[in-house]
Structures are given as C-alpha cells and as structure tokens.
Amino acid sequence: MMSASVSPDVSLHLRGVACPMNYVKSKLRLERMEPGQLLEIFIDAGAPMRNVPRSITNDGHKVVLTEEHEGGFRLLIERGAES
C-alpha cells in the first residue's frame, strides 16, 4: 500500500464539481501526464466517489490511494501506460 505522504506530480481540487465534469477534468489532466506519474484529486462523497474511481480504472489508470479528507475524499491515481 502506498503511503499517504507520497507527493503527487499534479493535484486537482474538484470538490463541488458535479459528475461527470469531475471525471472529465481528471481524464483530461491524466492525458497530459506521463505513464507512472501521480495525479491527486479531491472529490466529494456520494456520486463522485462511486463514479470517478470506476471510470478512471476503466480508462487503464490505477487508483493507488483512497482516503477520507475534509468531508470528501482524496484519491491518488497512477497514470496508466499509453493506449
């Protein structure tokens, strides 16, 4: 398991951003990153937490850390290989 102290390459604050725009913003940012880089996102509980990790995983990326953070969630996502 990855440590919560690992520094991400990029951080996106998406609290208050409705589905599916929180996923779209995450996906677009991941597309500009190199495979293996880490994207940190902050999202709301509920629908975002149900949908964003699943969609990101379906795109070939890996959610390496999920933790509760200030009433929402912090996710650390490893950029997958080029498709």
PDB file of N, CA and C in Angstrom:
ATOM      1  N   MET A   1       0.844  -1.186   0.000  1.00  0.00           N
ATOM      2  CA  MET A   1       0.000   0.000   0.000  1.00  0.00           C
ATOM      3  C   MET A   1       0.886   1.245   0.000  1.00  0.00           C
ATOM      4  N   MET A   2       0.463   2.218  -0.748  1.00  0.00           N
ATOM      5  CA  MET A   2       1.236   3.453  -0.885  1.00  0.00           C
ATOM      6  C   MET A   2       1.003   4.348   0.319  1.00  0.00           C
ATOM      7  N   SER A   3       2.032   5.017   0.732  1.00  0.00           N
ATOM      8  CA  SER A   3       1.953   5.923   1.871  1.00  0.00           C
ATOM      9  C   SER A   3       1.201   7.189   1.507  1.00  0.00           C
ATOM     10  N   ALA A   4       0.455   7.716   2.474  1.00  0.00           N
ATOM     11  CA  ALA A   4      -0.292   8.956   2.264  1.00  0.00           C
ATOM     12  C   ALA A   4       0.646  10.145   2.103  1.00  0.00           C
ATOM     13  N   SER A   5       1.915   9.980   2.437  1.00  0.00           N
ATOM     14  CA  SER A   5       2.855  11.090   2.355  1.00  0.00           C
ATOM     15  C   SER A   5       3.538  11.200   0.990  1.00  0.00           C
ATOM     16  N   VAL A   6       3.220  10.303   0.059  1.00  0.00           N
ATOM     17  CA  VAL A   6       3.811  10.352  -1.276  1.00  0.00           C
ATOM     18  C   VAL A   6       3.369  11.643  -1.969  1.00  0.00           C
ATOM     19  N   SER A   7       4.311  12.327  -2.605  1.00  0.00           N
ATOM     20  CA  SER A   7       3.996  13.584  -3.277  1.00  0.00           C
ATOM     21  C   SER A   7       3.486  13.331  -4.691  1.00  0.00           C
ATOM     22  N   PRO A   8       2.307  13.881  -5.014  1.00  0.00           N
ATOM     23  CA  PRO A   8       1.783  13.724  -6.368  1.00  0.00           C
ATOM     24  C   PRO A   8       2.526  14.645  -7.338  1.00  0.00           C
ATOM     25  N   ASP A   9       2.466  14.317  -8.619  1.00  0.00           N
ATOM     26  CA  ASP A   9       3.032  15.184  -9.653  1.00  0.00           C
ATOM     27  C   ASP A   9       2.104  16.366  -9.926  1.00  0.00           C
ATOM     28  N   VAL A  10       0.790  16.125  -9.836  1.00  0.00           N
ATOM     29  CA  VAL A  10      -0.228  17.144 -10.097  1.00  0.00           C
ATOM     30  C   VAL A  10      -1.361  16.952  -9.107  1.00  0.00           C
ATOM     31  N   SER A  11      -1.984  18.054  -8.693  1.00  0.00           N
ATOM     32  CA  SER A  11      -3.113  17.997  -7.764  1.00  0.00           C
ATOM     33  C   SER A  11      -4.286  18.776  -8.339  1.00  0.00           C
ATOM     34  N   LEU A  12      -5.486  18.169  -8.293  1.00  0.00           N
ATOM     35  CA  LEU A  12      -6.710  18.832  -8.753  1.00  0.00           C
ATOM     36  C   LEU A  12      -7.725  18.862  -7.614  1.00  0.00           C
ATOM     37  N   HIS A  13      -8.267  20.038  -7.350  1.00  0.00           N
ATOM     38  CA  HIS A  13      -9.297  20.180  -6.333  1.00  0.00           C
ATOM     39  C   HIS A  13     -10.649  20.237  -7.030  1.00  0.00           C
ATOM     40  N   LEU A  14     -11.409  19.147  -6.918  1.00  0.00           N
ATOM     41  CA  LEU A  14     -12.666  19.018  -7.650  1.00  0.00           C
ATOM     42  C   LEU A  14     -13.873  18.914  -6.723  1.00  0.00           C
ATOM     43  N   ARG A  15     -13.713  19.343  -5.481  1.00  0.00           N
ATOM     44  CA  ARG A  15     -14.852  19.367  -4.565  1.00  0.00           C
ATOM     45  C   ARG A  15     -15.851  20.388  -5.099  1.00  0.00           C
ATOM     46  N   GLY A  16     -17.125  20.024  -5.117  1.00  0.00           N
ATOM     47  CA  GLY A  16     -18.151  20.927  -5.613  1.00  0.00           C
ATOM     48  C   GLY A  16     -18.345  20.848  -7.117  1.00  0.00           C
ATOM     49  N   VAL A  17     -17.505  20.065  -7.800  1.00  0.00           N
ATOM     50  CA  VAL A  17     -17.652  19.876  -9.250  1.00  0.00           C
ATOM     51  C   VAL A  17     -18.538  18.652  -9.472  1.00  0.00           C
ATOM     52  N   ALA A  18     -19.643  18.844 -10.188  1.00  0.00           N
ATOM     53  CA  ALA A  18     -20.625  17.771 -10.378  1.00  0.00           C
ATOM     54  C   ALA A  18     -20.152  16.736 -11.385  1.00  0.00           C
ATOM     55  N   CYS A  19     -20.704  15.524 -11.246  1.00  0.00           N
ATOM     56  CA  CYS A  19     -20.496  14.473 -12.240  1.00  0.00           C
ATOM     57  C   CYS A  19     -21.220  14.898 -13.517  1.00  0.00           C
ATOM     58  N   PRO A  20     -20.697  14.625 -14.679  1.00  0.00           N
ATOM     59  CA  PRO A  20     -19.441  13.918 -14.940  1.00  0.00           C
ATOM     60  C   PRO A  20     -18.237  14.849 -15.110  1.00  0.00           C
ATOM     61  N   MET A  21     -18.399  16.137 -14.837  1.00  0.00           N
ATOM     62  CA  MET A  21     -17.283  17.064 -15.085  1.00  0.00           C
ATOM     63  C   MET A  21     -16.057  16.773 -14.222  1.00  0.00           C
ATOM     64  N   ASN A  22     -16.247  16.252 -13.007  1.00  0.00           N
ATOM     65  CA  ASN A  22     -15.086  15.916 -12.179  1.00  0.00           C
ATOM     66  C   ASN A  22     -14.268  14.797 -12.835  1.00  0.00           C
ATOM     67  N   TYR A  23     -14.948  13.834 -13.437  1.00  0.00           N
ATOM     68  CA  TYR A  23     -14.253  12.771 -14.167  1.00  0.00           C
ATOM     69  C   TYR A  23     -13.582  13.336 -15.423  1.00  0.00           C
ATOM     70  N   VAL A  24     -14.309  14.163 -16.166  1.00  0.00           N
ATOM     71  CA  VAL A  24     -13.772  14.732 -17.407  1.00  0.00           C
ATOM     72  C   VAL A  24     -12.500  15.533 -17.123  1.00  0.00           C
ATOM     73  N   LYS A  25     -12.533  16.362 -16.087  1.00  0.00           N
ATOM     74  CA  LYS A  25     -11.350  17.159 -15.734  1.00  0.00           C
ATOM     75  C   LYS A  25     -10.178  16.254 -15.337  1.00  0.00           C
ATOM     76  N   SER A  26     -10.468  15.177 -14.598  1.00  0.00           N
ATOM     77  CA  SER A  26      -9.419  14.224 -14.212  1.00  0.00           C
ATOM     78  C   SER A  26      -8.849  13.529 -15.441  1.00  0.00           C
ATOM     79  N   LYS A  27      -9.723  13.079 -16.314  1.00  0.00           N
ATOM     80  CA  LYS A  27      -9.302  12.371 -17.530  1.00  0.00           C
ATOM     81  C   LYS A  27      -8.432  13.258 -18.413  1.00  0.00           C
ATOM     82  N   LEU A  28      -8.853  14.504 -18.618  1.00  0.00           N
ATOM     83  CA  LEU A  28      -8.078  15.423 -19.459  1.00  0.00           C
ATOM     84  C   LEU A  28      -6.700  15.691 -18.865  1.00  0.00           C
ATOM     85  N   ARG A  29      -6.632  15.812 -17.545  1.00  0.00           N
ATOM     86  CA  ARG A  29      -5.330  16.056 -16.903  1.00  0.00           C
ATOM     87  C   ARG A  29      -4.435  14.838 -17.015  1.00  0.00           C
ATOM     88  N   LEU A  30      -4.997  13.646 -16.814  1.00  0.00           N
ATOM     89  CA  LEU A  30      -4.220  12.413 -16.931  1.00  0.00           C
ATOM     90  C   LEU A  30      -3.653  12.247 -18.341  1.00  0.00           C
ATOM     91  N   GLU A  31      -4.407  12.677 -19.349  1.00  0.00           N
ATOM     92  CA  GLU A  31      -3.952  12.549 -20.731  1.00  0.00           C
ATOM     93  C   GLU A  31      -2.696  13.383 -20.995  1.00  0.00           C
ATOM     94  N   ARG A  32      -2.465  14.424 -20.211  1.00  0.00           N
ATOM     95  CA  ARG A  32      -1.293  15.285 -20.389  1.00  0.00           C
ATOM     96  C   ARG A  32      -0.110  14.844 -19.525  1.00  0.00           C
ATOM     97  N   MET A  33      -0.291  13.767 -18.783  1.00  0.00           N
ATOM     98  CA  MET A  33       0.761  13.284 -17.893  1.00  0.00           C
ATOM     99  C   MET A  33       1.488  12.091 -18.514  1.00  0.00           C
ATOM    100  N   GLU A  34       2.658  11.798 -17.975  1.00  0.00           N
ATOM    101  CA  GLU A  34       3.448  10.649 -18.428  1.00  0.00           C
ATOM    102  C   GLU A  34       3.014   9.396 -17.666  1.00  0.00           C
ATOM    103  N   PRO A  35       3.085   8.212 -18.306  1.00  0.00           N
ATOM    104  CA  PRO A  35       2.777   6.970 -17.593  1.00  0.00           C
ATOM    105  C   PRO A  35       3.603   6.861 -16.316  1.00  0.00           C
ATOM    106  N   GLY A  36       2.942   6.466 -15.237  1.00  0.00           N
ATOM    107  CA  GLY A  36       3.606   6.309 -13.949  1.00  0.00           C
ATOM    108  C   GLY A  36       3.537   7.541 -13.063  1.00  0.00           C
ATOM    109  N   GLN A  37       3.213   8.707 -13.629  1.00  0.00           N
ATOM    110  CA  GLN A  37       3.078   9.903 -12.804  1.00  0.00           C
ATOM    111  C   GLN A  37       1.821   9.797 -11.948  1.00  0.00           C
ATOM    112  N   LEU A  38       1.801  10.560 -10.858  1.00  0.00           N
ATOM    113  CA  LEU A  38       0.696  10.501  -9.904  1.00  0.00           C
ATOM    114  C   LEU A  38      -0.139  11.774  -9.934  1.00  0.00           C
ATOM    115  N   LEU A  39      -1.458  11.583 -10.057  1.00  0.00           N
ATOM    116  CA  LEU A  39      -2.427  12.669 -10.002  1.00  0.00           C
ATOM    117  C   LEU A  39      -3.195  12.536  -8.694  1.00  0.00           C
ATOM    118  N   GLU A  40      -3.236  13.604  -7.937  1.00  0.00           N
ATOM    119  CA  GLU A  40      -4.005  13.661  -6.692  1.00  0.00           C
ATOM    120  C   GLU A  40      -5.275  14.445  -6.997  1.00  0.00           C
ATOM    121  N   ILE A  41      -6.436  13.867  -6.647  1.00  0.00           N
ATOM    122  CA  ILE A  41      -7.683  14.605  -6.812  1.00  0.00           C
ATOM    123  C   ILE A  41      -8.449  14.604  -5.497  1.00  0.00           C
ATOM    124  N   PHE A  42      -9.176  15.677  -5.289  1.00  0.00           N
ATOM    125  CA  PHE A  42     -10.058  15.808  -4.136  1.00  0.00           C
ATOM    126  C   PHE A  42     -11.476  15.877  -4.683  1.00  0.00           C
ATOM    127  N   ILE A  43     -12.328  14.922  -4.273  1.00  0.00           N
ATOM    128  CA  ILE A  43     -13.698  14.866  -4.770  1.00  0.00           C
ATOM    129  C   ILE A  43     -14.678  14.714  -3.608  1.00  0.00           C
ATOM    130  N   ASP A  44     -15.944  14.956  -3.912  1.00  0.00           N
ATOM    131  CA  ASP A  44     -16.996  14.832  -2.912  1.00  0.00           C
ATOM    132  C   ASP A  44     -17.383  13.372  -2.706  1.00  0.00           C
ATOM    133  N   ALA A  45     -18.009  13.110  -1.560  1.00  0.00           N
ATOM    134  CA  ALA A  45     -18.587  11.795  -1.283  1.00  0.00           C
ATOM    135  C   ALA A  45     -19.820  11.630  -2.176  1.00  0.00           C
ATOM    136  N   GLY A  46     -20.403  10.444  -2.164  1.00  0.00           N
ATOM    137  CA  GLY A  46     -21.616  10.198  -2.938  1.00  0.00           C
ATOM    138  C   GLY A  46     -21.299   9.806  -4.366  1.00  0.00           C
ATOM    139  N   ALA A  47     -22.047  10.370  -5.315  1.00  0.00           N
ATOM    140  CA  ALA A  47     -21.899  10.005  -6.734  1.00  0.00           C
ATOM    141  C   ALA A  47     -20.466  10.170  -7.239  1.00  0.00           C
ATOM    142  N   PRO A  48     -19.763  11.270  -6.919  1.00  0.00           N
ATOM    143  CA  PRO A  48     -18.382  11.374  -7.414  1.00  0.00           C
ATOM    144  C   PRO A  48     -17.504  10.216  -6.939  1.00  0.00           C
ATOM    145  N   MET A  49     -17.644   9.835  -5.691  1.00  0.00           N
ATOM    146  CA  MET A  49     -16.809   8.754  -5.156  1.00  0.00           C
ATOM    147  C   MET A  49     -17.200   7.402  -5.744  1.00  0.00           C
ATOM    148  N   ARG A  50     -18.462   7.243  -6.111  1.00  0.00           N
ATOM    149  CA  ARG A  50     -18.890   5.997  -6.757  1.00  0.00           C
ATOM    150  C   ARG A  50     -18.431   5.934  -8.211  1.00  0.00           C
ATOM    151  N   ASN A  51     -18.478   7.059  -8.912  1.00  0.00           N
ATOM    152  CA  ASN A  51     -18.276   7.046 -10.361  1.00  0.00           C
ATOM    153  C   ASN A  51     -16.853   7.330 -10.826  1.00  0.00           C
ATOM    154  N   VAL A  52     -16.190   8.293 -10.227  1.00  0.00           N
ATOM    155  CA  VAL A  52     -14.873   8.707 -10.726  1.00  0.00           C
ATOM    156  C   VAL A  52     -13.841   7.580 -10.641  1.00  0.00           C
ATOM    157  N   PRO A  53     -13.658   6.921  -9.483  1.00  0.00           N
ATOM    158  CA  PRO A  53     -12.646   5.845  -9.439  1.00  0.00           C
ATOM    159  C   PRO A  53     -12.922   4.728 -10.447  1.00  0.00           C
ATOM    160  N   ARG A  54     -14.183   4.360 -10.608  1.00  0.00           N
ATOM    161  CA  ARG A  54     -14.538   3.296 -11.561  1.00  0.00           C
ATOM    162  C   ARG A  54     -14.193   3.719 -12.988  1.00  0.00           C
ATOM    163  N   SER A  55     -14.534   4.935 -13.364  1.00  0.00           N
ATOM    164  CA  SER A  55     -14.260   5.420 -14.722  1.00  0.00           C
ATOM    165  C   SER A  55     -12.768   5.539 -14.981  1.00  0.00           C
ATOM    166  N   ILE A  56     -12.032   6.035 -13.992  1.00  0.00           N
ATOM    167  CA  ILE A  56     -10.579   6.174 -14.119  1.00  0.00           C
ATOM    168  C   ILE A  56      -9.932   4.800 -14.313  1.00  0.00           C
ATOM    169  N   THR A  57     -10.377   3.816 -13.537  1.00  0.00           N
ATOM    170  CA  THR A  57      -9.855   2.451 -13.651  1.00  0.00           C
ATOM    171  C   THR A  57     -10.192   1.866 -15.023  1.00  0.00           C
ATOM    172  N   ASN A  58     -11.409   2.103 -15.495  1.00  0.00           N
ATOM    173  CA  ASN A  58     -11.812   1.612 -16.820  1.00  0.00           C
ATOM    174  C   ASN A  58     -10.955   2.209 -17.928  1.00  0.00           C
ATOM    175  N   ASP A  59     -10.396   3.395 -17.688  1.00  0.00           N
ATOM    176  CA  ASP A  59      -9.522   4.047 -18.675  1.00  0.00           C
ATOM    177  C   ASP A  59      -8.098   3.498 -18.647  1.00  0.00           C
ATOM    178  N   GLY A  60      -7.805   2.583 -17.720  1.00  0.00           N
ATOM    179  CA  GLY A  60      -6.478   1.973 -17.674  1.00  0.00           C
ATOM    180  C   GLY A  60      -5.526   2.585 -16.664  1.00  0.00           C
ATOM    181  N   HIS A  61      -6.054   3.448 -15.790  1.00  0.00           N
ATOM    182  CA  HIS A  61      -5.229   4.041 -14.743  1.00  0.00           C
ATOM    183  C   HIS A  61      -5.463   3.276 -13.443  1.00  0.00           C
ATOM    184  N   LYS A  62      -4.641   3.545 -12.433  1.00  0.00           N
ATOM    185  CA  LYS A  62      -4.745   2.795 -11.183  1.00  0.00           C
ATOM    186  C   LYS A  62      -4.941   3.748 -10.013  1.00  0.00           C
ATOM    187  N   VAL A  63      -6.004   3.530  -9.252  1.00  0.00           N
ATOM    188  CA  VAL A  63      -6.224   4.289  -8.020  1.00  0.00           C
ATOM    189  C   VAL A  63      -5.381   3.614  -6.944  1.00  0.00           C
ATOM    190  N   VAL A  64      -4.326   4.291  -6.505  1.00  0.00           N
ATOM    191  CA  VAL A  64      -3.374   3.678  -5.575  1.00  0.00           C
ATOM    192  C   VAL A  64      -3.620   4.075  -4.126  1.00  0.00           C
ATOM    193  N   LEU A  65      -4.432   5.100  -3.911  1.00  0.00           N
ATOM    194  CA  LEU A  65      -4.737   5.524  -2.545  1.00  0.00           C
ATOM    195  C   LEU A  65      -6.097   6.205  -2.527  1.00  0.00           C
ATOM    196  N   THR A  66      -6.909   5.824  -1.566  1.00  0.00           N
ATOM    197  CA  THR A  66      -8.201   6.480  -1.335  1.00  0.00           C
ATOM    198  C   THR A  66      -8.293   6.741   0.154  1.00  0.00           C
ATOM    199  N   GLU A  67      -8.551   8.001   0.511  1.00  0.00           N
ATOM    200  CA  GLU A  67      -8.712   8.312   1.925  1.00  0.00           C
ATOM    201  C   GLU A  67      -9.716   9.436   2.109  1.00  0.00           C
ATOM    202  N   GLU A  68     -10.410   9.392   3.246  1.00  0.00           N
ATOM    203  CA  GLU A  68     -11.339  10.466   3.570  1.00  0.00           C
ATOM    204  C   GLU A  68     -10.537  11.731   3.838  1.00  0.00           C
ATOM    205  N   HIS A  69     -11.086  12.860   3.390  1.00  0.00           N
ATOM    206  CA  HIS A  69     -10.364  14.124   3.534  1.00  0.00           C
ATOM    207  C   HIS A  69     -11.363  15.273   3.609  1.00  0.00           C
ATOM    208  N   GLU A  70     -11.458  15.894   4.760  1.00  0.00           N
ATOM    209  CA  GLU A  70     -12.274  17.091   4.969  1.00  0.00           C
ATOM    210  C   GLU A  70     -13.693  16.971   4.411  1.00  0.00           C
ATOM    211  N   GLY A  71     -14.368  15.893   4.743  1.00  0.00           N
ATOM    212  CA  GLY A  71     -15.749  15.692   4.322  1.00  0.00           C
ATOM    213  C   GLY A  71     -15.916  15.132   2.925  1.00  0.00           C
ATOM    214  N   GLY A  72     -14.822  14.910   2.235  1.00  0.00           N
ATOM    215  CA  GLY A  72     -14.845  14.299   0.910  1.00  0.00           C
ATOM    216  C   GLY A  72     -13.782  13.230   0.857  1.00  0.00           C
ATOM    217  N   PHE A  73     -13.169  13.092  -0.301  1.00  0.00           N
ATOM    218  CA  PHE A  73     -12.140  12.068  -0.475  1.00  0.00           C
ATOM    219  C   PHE A  73     -10.946  12.607  -1.237  1.00  0.00           C
ATOM    220  N   ARG A  74      -9.792  12.033  -0.903  1.00  0.00           N
ATOM    221  CA  ARG A  74      -8.547  12.285  -1.628  1.00  0.00           C
ATOM    222  C   ARG A  74      -8.170  10.988  -2.322  1.00  0.00           C
ATOM    223  N   LEU A  75      -7.932  11.054  -3.619  1.00  0.00           N
ATOM    224  CA  LEU A  75      -7.508   9.897  -4.389  1.00  0.00           C
ATOM    225  C   LEU A  75      -6.158  10.185  -5.011  1.00  0.00           C
ATOM    226  N   LEU A  76      -5.322   9.179  -5.030  1.00  0.00           N
ATOM    227  CA  LEU A  76      -4.036   9.258  -5.708  1.00  0.00           C
ATOM    228  C   LEU A  76      -4.113   8.263  -6.856  1.00  0.00           C
ATOM    229  N   ILE A  77      -3.933   8.765  -8.075  1.00  0.00           N
ATOM    230  CA  ILE A  77      -4.117   7.958  -9.288  1.00  0.00           C
ATOM    231  C   ILE A  77      -2.804   7.882 -10.042  1.00  0.00           C
ATOM    232  N   GLU A  78      -2.397   6.670 -10.359  1.00  0.00           N
ATOM    233  CA  GLU A  78      -1.196   6.470 -11.172  1.00  0.00           C
ATOM    234  C   GLU A  78      -1.592   6.415 -12.636  1.00  0.00           C
ATOM    235  N   ARG A  79      -0.971   7.262 -13.421  1.00  0.00           N
ATOM    236  CA  ARG A  79      -1.258   7.313 -14.866  1.00  0.00           C
ATOM    237  C   ARG A  79      -0.863   5.991 -15.477  1.00  0.00           C
ATOM    238  N   GLY A  80      -1.785   5.391 -16.238  1.00  0.00           N
ATOM    239  CA  GLY A  80      -1.525   4.130 -16.894  1.00  0.00           C
ATOM    240  C   GLY A  80      -0.651   4.297 -18.136  1.00  0.00           C
ATOM    241  N   ALA A  81      -0.307   3.180 -18.751  1.00  0.00           N
ATOM    242  CA  ALA A  81       0.503   3.188 -19.961  1.00  0.00           C
ATOM    243  C   ALA A  81      -0.285   3.797 -21.117  1.00  0.00           C
ATOM    244  N   GLU A  82       0.441   4.273 -22.103  1.00  0.00           N
ATOM    245  CA  GLU A  82      -0.219   4.812 -23.297  1.00  0.00           C
ATOM    246  C   GLU A  82      -1.067   3.724 -23.927  1.00  0.00           C
ATOM    247  N   SER A  83      -2.241   4.084 -24.423  1.00  0.00           N
ATOM    248  CA  SER A  83      -3.104   3.069 -25.060  1.00  0.00           C
ATOM    249  C   SER A  83      -2.964   3.108 -26.566  1.00  0.00           C
TER     250      SER A  83
END
